Amino acid sequence: MNALHQYLFDTYRADRLGEPMPPAPGTHDVAVLRSVRDRRRFERVMAGRPVRGGLRTALRRLLQPRARRPPGGSRE
């Protein structure tokens, strides 16, 4: 059974019992994604990290070639 079948069963049951209709599948998806985004921003602020640029920084770190260190592990 998928989400549409469950929705149809719930709608039928609500109609028979005189209860309010349930929301259609996917109705609140955007609100959920926004709340997840806001929560992550809040956690970044509380951790003292910048709110914007996290994805861009991570992608840059993955895509840029790393600088090679000289042999022996000495840093300049």
N, C-alpha and C. Protein backbone atom coordinates (compact mmCIF):
# COMPACT_ATOMS: atom_id res chain seq x y z
N MET A 1 0.85 -1.17 0.00
CA MET A 1 0.00 0.00 0.00
C MET A 1 0.90 1.24 0.00
N ASN A 2 0.59 2.16 -0.88
CA ASN A 2 1.38 3.39 -0.91
C ASN A 2 0.63 4.52 -0.21
N ALA A 3 1.20 5.70 -0.25
CA ALA A 3 0.62 6.84 0.47
C ALA A 3 -0.74 7.23 -0.10
N LEU A 4 -0.93 7.10 -1.40
CA LEU A 4 -2.22 7.45 -2.00
C LEU A 4 -3.32 6.50 -1.54
N HIS A 5 -3.01 5.20 -1.50
CA HIS A 5 -4.01 4.22 -1.02
C HIS A 5 -4.39 4.51 0.43
N GLN A 6 -3.40 4.78 1.25
CA GLN A 6 -3.68 5.07 2.66
C GLN A 6 -4.53 6.33 2.78
N TYR A 7 -4.22 7.34 1.96
CA TYR A 7 -4.99 8.58 1.98
C TYR A 7 -6.46 8.31 1.60
N LEU A 8 -6.67 7.48 0.57
CA LEU A 8 -8.04 7.17 0.15
C LEU A 8 -8.79 6.43 1.25
N PHE A 9 -8.14 5.48 1.91
CA PHE A 9 -8.78 4.78 3.04
C PHE A 9 -9.12 5.74 4.16
N ASP A 10 -8.18 6.63 4.50
CA ASP A 10 -8.42 7.58 5.58
C ASP A 10 -9.53 8.57 5.23
N THR A 11 -9.58 8.98 3.96
CA THR A 11 -10.64 9.89 3.52
C THR A 11 -12.01 9.22 3.61
N TYR A 12 -12.07 7.97 3.18
CA TYR A 12 -13.33 7.22 3.25
C TYR A 12 -13.77 7.05 4.71
N ARG A 13 -12.84 6.68 5.57
CA ARG A 13 -13.16 6.49 6.99
C ARG A 13 -13.62 7.80 7.63
N ALA A 14 -12.93 8.89 7.30
CA ALA A 14 -13.30 10.19 7.87
C ALA A 14 -14.69 10.61 7.40
N ASP A 15 -15.00 10.34 6.15
CA ASP A 15 -16.32 10.68 5.62
C ASP A 15 -17.41 9.87 6.32
N ARG A 16 -17.16 8.59 6.52
CA ARG A 16 -18.15 7.71 7.16
C ARG A 16 -18.37 8.07 8.63
N LEU A 17 -17.31 8.52 9.31
CA LEU A 17 -17.40 8.83 10.74
C LEU A 17 -17.69 10.31 11.01
N GLY A 18 -17.76 11.11 9.96
CA GLY A 18 -18.03 12.52 10.14
C GLY A 18 -16.86 13.31 10.71
N GLU A 19 -15.66 12.81 10.53
CA GLU A 19 -14.45 13.48 11.01
C GLU A 19 -13.90 14.39 9.91
N PRO A 20 -13.01 15.32 10.27
CA PRO A 20 -12.40 16.17 9.23
C PRO A 20 -11.50 15.34 8.32
N MET A 21 -11.44 15.76 7.06
CA MET A 21 -10.63 15.05 6.06
C MET A 21 -9.15 15.22 6.36
N PRO A 22 -8.34 14.18 6.16
CA PRO A 22 -6.90 14.31 6.35
C PRO A 22 -6.28 15.12 5.21
N PRO A 23 -5.13 15.72 5.45
CA PRO A 23 -4.47 16.46 4.36
C PRO A 23 -3.96 15.49 3.30
N ALA A 24 -3.96 15.95 2.07
CA ALA A 24 -3.47 15.12 0.96
C ALA A 24 -1.98 14.86 1.12
N PRO A 25 -1.49 13.73 0.61
CA PRO A 25 -0.05 13.45 0.69
C PRO A 25 0.77 14.55 0.00
N GLY A 26 1.81 15.00 0.68
CA GLY A 26 2.68 16.02 0.11
C GLY A 26 2.27 17.44 0.42
N THR A 27 1.16 17.61 1.14
CA THR A 27 0.66 18.95 1.43
C THR A 27 1.66 19.75 2.26
N HIS A 28 2.29 19.13 3.23
CA HIS A 28 3.15 19.84 4.16
C HIS A 28 4.64 19.61 3.90
N ASP A 29 4.99 19.08 2.74
CA ASP A 29 6.39 18.76 2.45
C ASP A 29 7.28 20.01 2.49
N VAL A 30 6.83 21.09 1.90
CA VAL A 30 7.65 22.31 1.86
C VAL A 30 7.86 22.86 3.27
N ALA A 31 6.81 22.81 4.08
CA ALA A 31 6.93 23.31 5.46
C ALA A 31 7.92 22.46 6.25
N VAL A 32 7.92 21.16 6.04
CA VAL A 32 8.85 20.27 6.74
C VAL A 32 10.28 20.57 6.31
N LEU A 33 10.51 20.75 5.01
CA LEU A 33 11.85 21.06 4.53
C LEU A 33 12.34 22.40 5.07
N ARG A 34 11.44 23.38 5.16
CA ARG A 34 11.83 24.68 5.73
C ARG A 34 12.22 24.54 7.19
N SER A 35 11.44 23.76 7.94
CA SER A 35 11.76 23.61 9.36
C SER A 35 13.08 22.89 9.57
N VAL A 36 13.39 21.91 8.71
CA VAL A 36 14.69 21.23 8.79
C VAL A 36 15.81 22.21 8.50
N ARG A 37 15.63 23.04 7.45
CA ARG A 37 16.64 24.05 7.10
C ARG A 37 16.84 25.04 8.25
N ASP A 38 15.74 25.50 8.85
CA ASP A 38 15.84 26.46 9.95
C ASP A 38 16.52 25.84 11.16
N ARG A 39 16.23 24.58 11.43
CA ARG A 39 16.86 23.90 12.57
C ARG A 39 18.37 23.79 12.36
N ARG A 40 18.77 23.43 11.14
CA ARG A 40 20.20 23.31 10.85
C ARG A 40 20.90 24.67 10.96
N ARG A 41 20.23 25.73 10.50
CA ARG A 41 20.82 27.07 10.63
C ARG A 41 20.98 27.44 12.09
N PHE A 42 19.95 27.13 12.89
CA PHE A 42 20.01 27.42 14.32
C PHE A 42 21.17 26.67 14.98
N GLU A 43 21.33 25.40 14.64
CA GLU A 43 22.42 24.61 15.22
C GLU A 43 23.78 25.18 14.81
N ARG A 44 23.91 25.66 13.58
CA ARG A 44 25.17 26.25 13.13
C ARG A 44 25.47 27.52 13.92
N VAL A 45 24.45 28.34 14.16
CA VAL A 45 24.65 29.58 14.92
C VAL A 45 25.08 29.25 16.34
N MET A 46 24.42 28.27 16.95
CA MET A 46 24.74 27.90 18.33
C MET A 46 26.14 27.31 18.44
N ALA A 47 26.62 26.68 17.37
CA ALA A 47 27.96 26.10 17.37
C ALA A 47 29.03 27.13 17.00
N GLY A 48 28.61 28.35 16.64
CA GLY A 48 29.56 29.40 16.30
C GLY A 48 30.09 29.31 14.88
N ARG A 49 29.40 28.59 14.03
CA ARG A 49 29.81 28.48 12.63
C ARG A 49 28.98 29.43 11.78
N PRO A 50 29.49 29.82 10.61
CA PRO A 50 28.71 30.71 9.74
C PRO A 50 27.44 30.01 9.25
N VAL A 51 26.38 30.77 9.13
CA VAL A 51 25.10 30.19 8.73
C VAL A 51 25.10 29.85 7.25
N ARG A 52 25.68 30.69 6.44
CA ARG A 52 25.67 30.46 4.99
C ARG A 52 27.03 29.97 4.52
N GLY A 53 26.99 29.23 3.42
CA GLY A 53 28.23 28.83 2.78
C GLY A 53 28.73 27.45 3.18
N GLY A 54 28.00 26.71 3.98
CA GLY A 54 28.46 25.40 4.40
C GLY A 54 28.55 24.41 3.26
N LEU A 55 27.53 24.37 2.41
CA LEU A 55 27.52 23.46 1.27
C LEU A 55 28.60 23.85 0.27
N ARG A 56 28.69 25.13 0.00
CA ARG A 56 29.68 25.62 -0.96
C ARG A 56 31.10 25.31 -0.48
N THR A 57 31.35 25.51 0.80
CA THR A 57 32.67 25.23 1.36
C THR A 57 32.99 23.74 1.29
N ALA A 58 32.02 22.90 1.60
CA ALA A 58 32.25 21.46 1.54
C ALA A 58 32.52 21.00 0.12
N LEU A 59 31.78 21.52 -0.84
CA LEU A 59 32.01 21.15 -2.23
C LEU A 59 33.37 21.63 -2.72
N ARG A 60 33.75 22.84 -2.32
CA ARG A 60 35.06 23.37 -2.72
C ARG A 60 36.17 22.49 -2.15
N ARG A 61 36.01 22.05 -0.91
CA ARG A 61 37.01 21.21 -0.27
C ARG A 61 37.14 19.87 -0.99
N LEU A 62 36.01 19.34 -1.47
CA LEU A 62 36.05 18.06 -2.17
C LEU A 62 36.61 18.17 -3.59
N LEU A 63 36.30 19.28 -4.25
CA LEU A 63 36.64 19.39 -5.66
C LEU A 63 38.02 19.98 -5.93
N GLN A 64 38.56 20.77 -5.02
CA GLN A 64 39.87 21.36 -5.24
C GLN A 64 40.96 20.35 -4.91
N PRO A 65 41.98 20.31 -5.76
CA PRO A 65 43.10 19.42 -5.44
C PRO A 65 43.84 19.94 -4.20
N ARG A 66 44.28 19.02 -3.39
CA ARG A 66 44.99 19.42 -2.16
C ARG A 66 46.42 19.79 -2.46
N ALA A 67 46.91 20.76 -1.71
CA ALA A 67 48.31 21.17 -1.87
C ALA A 67 49.21 20.06 -1.33
N ARG A 68 50.24 19.75 -2.05
CA ARG A 68 51.15 18.68 -1.62
C ARG A 68 52.12 19.23 -0.60
N ARG A 69 52.33 18.47 0.45
CA ARG A 69 53.30 18.85 1.47
C ARG A 69 54.68 18.32 1.10
N PRO A 70 55.70 19.03 1.50
CA PRO A 70 57.05 18.54 1.21
C PRO A 70 57.34 17.25 2.01
N PRO A 71 58.20 16.39 1.50
CA PRO A 71 58.52 15.15 2.23
C PRO A 71 59.10 15.46 3.61
N GLY A 72 58.83 14.60 4.54
CA GLY A 72 59.35 14.77 5.89
C GLY A 72 58.32 15.41 6.80
N GLY A 73 57.23 15.88 6.26
CA GLY A 73 56.16 16.42 7.08
C GLY A 73 56.40 17.78 7.66
N SER A 74 57.47 18.48 7.23
CA SER A 74 57.73 19.81 7.77
C SER A 74 56.81 20.82 7.12
N ARG A 75 56.36 21.76 7.93
CA ARG A 75 55.48 22.79 7.41
C ARG A 75 56.28 24.08 7.30
N GLU A 76 55.97 24.87 6.32
CA GLU A 76 56.70 26.12 6.14
C GLU A 76 56.05 27.24 6.87
